[in-house]
Amino acid sequence: MRKFLQYDDTQVIKYDSIILAVIYTIGHILIAIACNRIITGATLDMAAADAFIEPIINGFWFYLLLVYIKANIEKKINDNSITFISNAKLGIYLAILYTIGHILIAMTCNRLLTGAPLNLAAIDALVEPMVNGVWFYLLFEVFNKYKARSKAYSGKSDKSPAPAGYQSSKLSPVNNKKNLD
């Protein structure tokens, strides 16, 4: 089994991606707390509660939208009850609906948990995702530069052929991977 895992070219989990996701998540929570404190003046404990509770509620909103609302809209499209939306454009409409719901949930959680005025809760609901977008971009760029530098120092290249003795996975239906990271 150990030999199989050593040479398996179908990687289900890449450790660098998991590490990056954990770093992003920690940064996301800290940004949410900081934005809430700065914009609304919330106490640290209430800002932290909002930074944890609001994403959980948005996860349920995402599930509801993806499972129930999507199915109902698709049924109405197929029955020709809705003519302004096609199945091909359903994704963009769901994304817009999700974003509107996300903002409303963020405002509501902020207002209820921190007691912030509605206008400040709305500003926080719009500013915090933008700051997190910048955080995502910066983290992504730094991580890619780190990976490129690590490959340069280790002598690895994206165009290097598979080493001699390379064995592909017996479980993978198509093994045409040329790069081994």
C-alpha atoms as a PDB file:
ATOM      1  CA  MET A   1       0.000   0.000   0.000  1.00  0.00           C
ATOM      2  CA  ARG A   2       2.778   2.408   0.876  1.00  0.00           C
ATOM      3  CA  LYS A   3       4.494   1.778  -2.490  1.00  0.00           C
ATOM      4  CA  PHE A   4       1.181   2.388  -4.256  1.00  0.00           C
ATOM      5  CA  LEU A   5       0.729   5.752  -2.533  1.00  0.00           C
ATOM      6  CA  GLN A   6       4.308   6.728  -3.286  1.00  0.00           C
ATOM      7  CA  TYR A   7       3.837   6.373  -7.049  1.00  0.00           C
ATOM      8  CA  ASP A   8       0.174   7.245  -7.389  1.00  0.00           C
ATOM      9  CA  ASP A   9      -0.284  10.135  -9.797  1.00  0.00           C
ATOM     10  CA  THR A  10      -3.870  10.814  -8.792  1.00  0.00           C
ATOM     11  CA  GLN A  11      -3.557  12.985  -5.737  1.00  0.00           C
ATOM     12  CA  VAL A  12      -6.839  13.501  -3.956  1.00  0.00           C
ATOM     13  CA  ILE A  13      -5.391  15.873  -1.394  1.00  0.00           C
ATOM     14  CA  LYS A  14      -2.524  18.242  -2.069  1.00  0.00           C
ATOM     15  CA  TYR A  15      -0.983  19.356   1.178  1.00  0.00           C
ATOM     16  CA  ASP A  16       0.050  22.752  -0.148  1.00  0.00           C
ATOM     17  CA  SER A  17      -3.572  23.495  -1.082  1.00  0.00           C
ATOM     18  CA  ILE A  18      -4.799  22.480   2.363  1.00  0.00           C
ATOM     19  CA  ILE A  19      -2.189  24.680   4.024  1.00  0.00           C
ATOM     20  CA  LEU A  20      -3.148  27.570   1.763  1.00  0.00           C
ATOM     21  CA  ALA A  21      -6.847  27.081   2.565  1.00  0.00           C
ATOM     22  CA  VAL A  22      -6.142  27.046   6.315  1.00  0.00           C
ATOM     23  CA  ILE A  23      -4.037  30.210   6.081  1.00  0.00           C
ATOM     24  CA  TYR A  24      -6.745  31.890   3.989  1.00  0.00           C
ATOM     25  CA  THR A  25      -9.481  30.869   6.444  1.00  0.00           C
ATOM     26  CA  ILE A  26      -7.572  32.192   9.449  1.00  0.00           C
ATOM     27  CA  GLY A  27      -6.917  35.448   7.606  1.00  0.00           C
ATOM     28  CA  HIS A  28     -10.563  35.635   6.528  1.00  0.00           C
ATOM     29  CA  ILE A  29     -11.760  35.337  10.127  1.00  0.00           C
ATOM     30  CA  LEU A  30      -9.260  37.951  11.340  1.00  0.00           C
ATOM     31  CA  ILE A  31     -10.277  40.318   8.542  1.00  0.00           C
ATOM     32  CA  ALA A  32     -13.965  39.804   9.376  1.00  0.00           C
ATOM     33  CA  ILE A  33     -13.290  40.608  13.035  1.00  0.00           C
ATOM     34  CA  ALA A  34     -11.161  43.654  12.188  1.00  0.00           C
ATOM     35  CA  CYS A  35     -13.650  45.055   9.668  1.00  0.00           C
ATOM     36  CA  ASN A  36     -16.522  44.577  12.084  1.00  0.00           C
ATOM     37  CA  ARG A  37     -14.641  46.284  14.915  1.00  0.00           C
ATOM     38  CA  ILE A  38     -13.417  49.171  12.759  1.00  0.00           C
ATOM     39  CA  ILE A  39     -16.640  49.806  10.828  1.00  0.00           C
ATOM     40  CA  THR A  40     -19.265  49.180  13.490  1.00  0.00           C
ATOM     41  CA  GLY A  41     -17.277  49.626  16.693  1.00  0.00           C
ATOM     42  CA  ALA A  42     -18.359  46.199  17.927  1.00  0.00           C
ATOM     43  CA  THR A  43     -16.640  44.606  20.884  1.00  0.00           C
ATOM     44  CA  LEU A  44     -14.051  41.931  20.155  1.00  0.00           C
ATOM     45  CA  ASP A  45     -16.232  39.085  21.405  1.00  0.00           C
ATOM     46  CA  MET A  46     -19.252  40.144  19.352  1.00  0.00           C
ATOM     47  CA  ALA A  47     -17.131  40.750  16.240  1.00  0.00           C
ATOM     48  CA  ALA A  48     -15.609  37.281  16.683  1.00  0.00           C
ATOM     49  CA  ALA A  49     -19.045  35.722  17.153  1.00  0.00           C
ATOM     50  CA  ASP A  50     -20.213  37.394  13.957  1.00  0.00           C
ATOM     51  CA  ALA A  51     -17.087  36.221  12.097  1.00  0.00           C
ATOM     52  CA  PHE A  52     -17.925  32.599  12.970  1.00  0.00           C
ATOM     53  CA  ILE A  53     -21.743  32.540  12.939  1.00  0.00           C
ATOM     54  CA  GLU A  54     -22.412  34.456   9.720  1.00  0.00           C
ATOM     55  CA  PRO A  55     -20.395  32.082   7.451  1.00  0.00           C
ATOM     56  CA  ILE A  56     -22.211  29.096   8.950  1.00  0.00           C
ATOM     57  CA  ILE A  57     -25.585  30.644   8.172  1.00  0.00           C
ATOM     58  CA  ASN A  58     -24.370  31.499   4.666  1.00  0.00           C
ATOM     59  CA  GLY A  59     -23.407  27.849   4.245  1.00  0.00           C
ATOM     60  CA  PHE A  60     -27.013  26.871   4.939  1.00  0.00           C
ATOM     61  CA  TRP A  61     -28.194  29.589   2.524  1.00  0.00           C
ATOM     62  CA  PHE A  62     -25.863  28.164  -0.133  1.00  0.00           C
ATOM     63  CA  TYR A  63     -27.224  24.658   0.437  1.00  0.00           C
ATOM     64  CA  LEU A  64     -30.835  25.863   0.336  1.00  0.00           C
ATOM     65  CA  LEU A  65     -30.189  27.755  -2.865  1.00  0.00           C
ATOM     66  CA  LEU A  66     -28.338  24.908  -4.521  1.00  0.00           C
ATOM     67  CA  VAL A  67     -30.730  22.130  -3.567  1.00  0.00           C
ATOM     68  CA  TYR A  68     -34.234  23.552  -3.285  1.00  0.00           C
ATOM     69  CA  ILE A  69     -34.353  26.868  -5.107  1.00  0.00           C
ATOM     70  CA  LYS A  70     -32.303  25.606  -8.064  1.00  0.00           C
ATOM     71  CA  ALA A  71     -34.574  22.575  -8.442  1.00  0.00           C
ATOM     72  CA  ASN A  72     -37.710  24.749  -8.363  1.00  0.00           C
ATOM     73  CA  ILE A  73     -36.318  27.213 -10.887  1.00  0.00           C
ATOM     74  CA  GLU A  74     -35.192  24.405 -13.203  1.00  0.00           C
ATOM     75  CA  LYS A  75     -38.659  22.839 -12.995  1.00  0.00           C
ATOM     76  CA  LYS A  76     -40.309  26.152 -13.888  1.00  0.00           C
ATOM     77  CA  ILE A  77     -37.873  26.681 -16.770  1.00  0.00           C
ATOM     78  CA  ASN A  78     -38.621  23.207 -18.124  1.00  0.00           C
ATOM     79  CA  ASP A  79     -42.381  23.804 -17.720  1.00  0.00           C
ATOM     80  CA  ASN A  80     -41.973  27.147 -19.553  1.00  0.00           C
ATOM     81  CA  SER A  81     -43.410  28.980 -16.536  1.00  0.00           C
ATOM     82  CA  ILE A  82     -40.286  31.150 -16.522  1.00  0.00           C
ATOM     83  CA  THR A  83     -39.156  32.397 -19.904  1.00  0.00           C
ATOM     84  CA  PHE A  84     -36.569  35.075 -19.025  1.00  0.00           C
ATOM     85  CA  ILE A  85     -34.097  32.510 -17.590  1.00  0.00           C
ATOM     86  CA  SER A  86     -32.619  29.612 -19.539  1.00  0.00           C
ATOM     87  CA  ASN A  87     -30.890  26.547 -18.126  1.00  0.00           C
ATOM     88  CA  ALA A  88     -27.659  27.779 -19.729  1.00  0.00           C
ATOM     89  CA  LYS A  89     -27.801  31.046 -17.739  1.00  0.00           C
ATOM     90  CA  LEU A  90     -29.097  29.564 -14.494  1.00  0.00           C
ATOM     91  CA  GLY A  91     -25.663  29.674 -12.841  1.00  0.00           C
ATOM     92  CA  ILE A  92     -25.296  33.436 -13.140  1.00  0.00           C
ATOM     93  CA  TYR A  93     -28.803  34.025 -11.769  1.00  0.00           C
ATOM     94  CA  LEU A  94     -28.113  31.711  -8.828  1.00  0.00           C
ATOM     95  CA  ALA A  95     -24.821  33.527  -8.177  1.00  0.00           C
ATOM     96  CA  ILE A  96     -26.616  36.876  -8.145  1.00  0.00           C
ATOM     97  CA  LEU A  97     -29.316  35.512  -5.863  1.00  0.00           C
ATOM     98  CA  TYR A  98     -26.695  33.983  -3.578  1.00  0.00           C
ATOM     99  CA  THR A  99     -24.773  37.278  -3.383  1.00  0.00           C
ATOM    100  CA  ILE A 100     -27.878  39.263  -2.494  1.00  0.00           C
ATOM    101  CA  GLY A 101     -28.799  36.709   0.173  1.00  0.00           C
ATOM    102  CA  HIS A 102     -25.227  36.679   1.471  1.00  0.00           C
ATOM    103  CA  ILE A 103     -25.213  40.450   1.912  1.00  0.00           C
ATOM    104  CA  LEU A 104     -28.610  40.395   3.652  1.00  0.00           C
ATOM    105  CA  ILE A 105     -27.466  37.600   5.971  1.00  0.00           C
ATOM    106  CA  ALA A 106     -24.230  39.445   6.756  1.00  0.00           C
ATOM    107  CA  MET A 107     -26.141  42.641   7.538  1.00  0.00           C
ATOM    108  CA  THR A 108     -28.688  40.834   9.686  1.00  0.00           C
ATOM    109  CA  CYS A 109     -26.092  38.878  11.662  1.00  0.00           C
ATOM    110  CA  ASN A 110     -24.027  41.980  12.216  1.00  0.00           C
ATOM    111  CA  ARG A 111     -27.042  43.989  13.335  1.00  0.00           C
ATOM    112  CA  LEU A 112     -28.370  41.287  15.663  1.00  0.00           C
ATOM    113  CA  LEU A 113     -25.041  40.211  17.159  1.00  0.00           C
ATOM    114  CA  THR A 114     -23.282  43.532  17.537  1.00  0.00           C
ATOM    115  CA  GLY A 115     -26.211  45.933  17.727  1.00  0.00           C
ATOM    116  CA  ALA A 116     -24.630  48.041  14.978  1.00  0.00           C
ATOM    117  CA  PRO A 117     -26.823  50.532  13.135  1.00  0.00           C
ATOM    118  CA  LEU A 118     -28.164  49.162   9.868  1.00  0.00           C
ATOM    119  CA  ASN A 119     -26.112  51.542   7.719  1.00  0.00           C
ATOM    120  CA  LEU A 120     -22.856  50.417   9.377  1.00  0.00           C
ATOM    121  CA  ALA A 121     -23.883  46.765   9.137  1.00  0.00           C
ATOM    122  CA  ALA A 122     -24.518  47.290   5.406  1.00  0.00           C
ATOM    123  CA  ILE A 123     -21.136  48.948   4.920  1.00  0.00           C
ATOM    124  CA  ASP A 124     -19.436  46.069   6.743  1.00  0.00           C
ATOM    125  CA  ALA A 125     -21.349  43.532   4.629  1.00  0.00           C
ATOM    126  CA  LEU A 126     -19.956  45.168   1.485  1.00  0.00           C
ATOM    127  CA  VAL A 127     -16.442  46.155   2.589  1.00  0.00           C
ATOM    128  CA  GLU A 128     -15.391  42.944   4.337  1.00  0.00           C
ATOM    129  CA  PRO A 129     -15.794  40.709   1.232  1.00  0.00           C
ATOM    130  CA  MET A 130     -13.778  43.213  -0.809  1.00  0.00           C
ATOM    131  CA  VAL A 131     -10.958  43.189   1.736  1.00  0.00           C
ATOM    132  CA  ASN A 132     -11.073  39.395   1.746  1.00  0.00           C
ATOM    133  CA  GLY A 133     -10.845  39.456  -2.049  1.00  0.00           C
ATOM    134  CA  VAL A 134      -7.634  41.482  -1.782  1.00  0.00           C
ATOM    135  CA  TRP A 135      -6.392  39.062   0.909  1.00  0.00           C
ATOM    136  CA  PHE A 136      -7.134  36.125  -1.407  1.00  0.00           C
ATOM    137  CA  TYR A 137      -5.275  37.772  -4.291  1.00  0.00           C
ATOM    138  CA  LEU A 138      -2.219  38.656  -2.206  1.00  0.00           C
ATOM    139  CA  LEU A 139      -2.053  35.209  -0.629  1.00  0.00           C
ATOM    140  CA  PHE A 140      -2.429  33.552  -4.030  1.00  0.00           C
ATOM    141  CA  GLU A 141       0.359  35.650  -5.573  1.00  0.00           C
ATOM    142  CA  VAL A 142       2.751  35.166  -2.644  1.00  0.00           C
ATOM    143  CA  PHE A 143       2.061  31.425  -2.606  1.00  0.00           C
ATOM    144  CA  ASN A 144       2.686  31.075  -6.350  1.00  0.00           C
ATOM    145  CA  LYS A 145       5.974  32.986  -6.073  1.00  0.00           C
ATOM    146  CA  TYR A 146       6.983  30.768  -3.152  1.00  0.00           C
ATOM    147  CA  LYS A 147       6.178  27.615  -5.156  1.00  0.00           C
ATOM    148  CA  ALA A 148       8.109  28.892  -8.180  1.00  0.00           C
ATOM    149  CA  ARG A 149      11.118  29.757  -6.020  1.00  0.00           C
ATOM    150  CA  SER A 150      10.942  26.371  -4.254  1.00  0.00           C
ATOM    151  CA  LYS A 151      10.937  24.578  -7.611  1.00  0.00           C
ATOM    152  CA  ALA A 152      13.874  26.677  -8.812  1.00  0.00           C
ATOM    153  CA  TYR A 153      15.916  25.849  -5.705  1.00  0.00           C
ATOM    154  CA  SER A 154      15.052  22.162  -5.787  1.00  0.00           C
ATOM    155  CA  GLY A 155      15.829  21.844  -9.481  1.00  0.00           C
ATOM    156  CA  LYS A 156      12.301  20.725 -10.312  1.00  0.00           C
ATOM    157  CA  SER A 157      10.701  21.993 -13.464  1.00  0.00           C
ATOM    158  CA  ASP A 158       7.153  21.849 -14.765  1.00  0.00           C
ATOM    159  CA  LYS A 159       8.493  20.375 -18.004  1.00  0.00           C
ATOM    160  CA  SER A 160      10.570  17.565 -16.538  1.00  0.00           C
ATOM    161  CA  PRO A 161       9.693  14.069 -17.688  1.00  0.00           C
ATOM    162  CA  ALA A 162       8.586  11.394 -15.285  1.00  0.00           C
ATOM    163  CA  PRO A 163      11.486   9.704 -13.546  1.00  0.00           C
ATOM    164  CA  ALA A 164      12.585   6.224 -14.585  1.00  0.00           C
ATOM    165  CA  GLY A 165      10.786   3.645 -12.486  1.00  0.00           C
ATOM    166  CA  TYR A 166       7.640   5.776 -12.406  1.00  0.00           C
ATOM    167  CA  GLN A 167       4.530   3.654 -11.932  1.00  0.00           C
ATOM    168  CA  SER A 168       1.085   5.017 -12.608  1.00  0.00           C
ATOM    169  CA  SER A 169      -1.964   4.245 -10.566  1.00  0.00           C
ATOM    170  CA  LYS A 170      -3.860   1.071 -11.396  1.00  0.00           C
ATOM    171  CA  LEU A 171      -7.068   2.753 -10.198  1.00  0.00           C
ATOM    172  CA  SER A 172      -6.829   5.763 -12.466  1.00  0.00           C
ATOM    173  CA  PRO A 173      -8.597   5.207 -15.806  1.00  0.00           C
ATOM    174  CA  VAL A 174      -6.330   7.590 -17.710  1.00  0.00           C
ATOM    175  CA  ASN A 175      -2.787   8.285 -16.616  1.00  0.00           C
ATOM    176  CA  ASN A 176      -1.322  10.873 -18.910  1.00  0.00           C
ATOM    177  CA  LYS A 177       0.226  13.092 -16.276  1.00  0.00           C
ATOM    178  CA  LYS A 178       3.679  14.145 -17.351  1.00  0.00           C
ATOM    179  CA  ASN A 179       4.637  16.235 -14.350  1.00  0.00           C
ATOM    180  CA  LEU A 180       5.364  14.972 -10.896  1.00  0.00           C
ATOM    181  CA  ASP A 181       5.295  17.602  -8.191  1.00  0.00           C
END
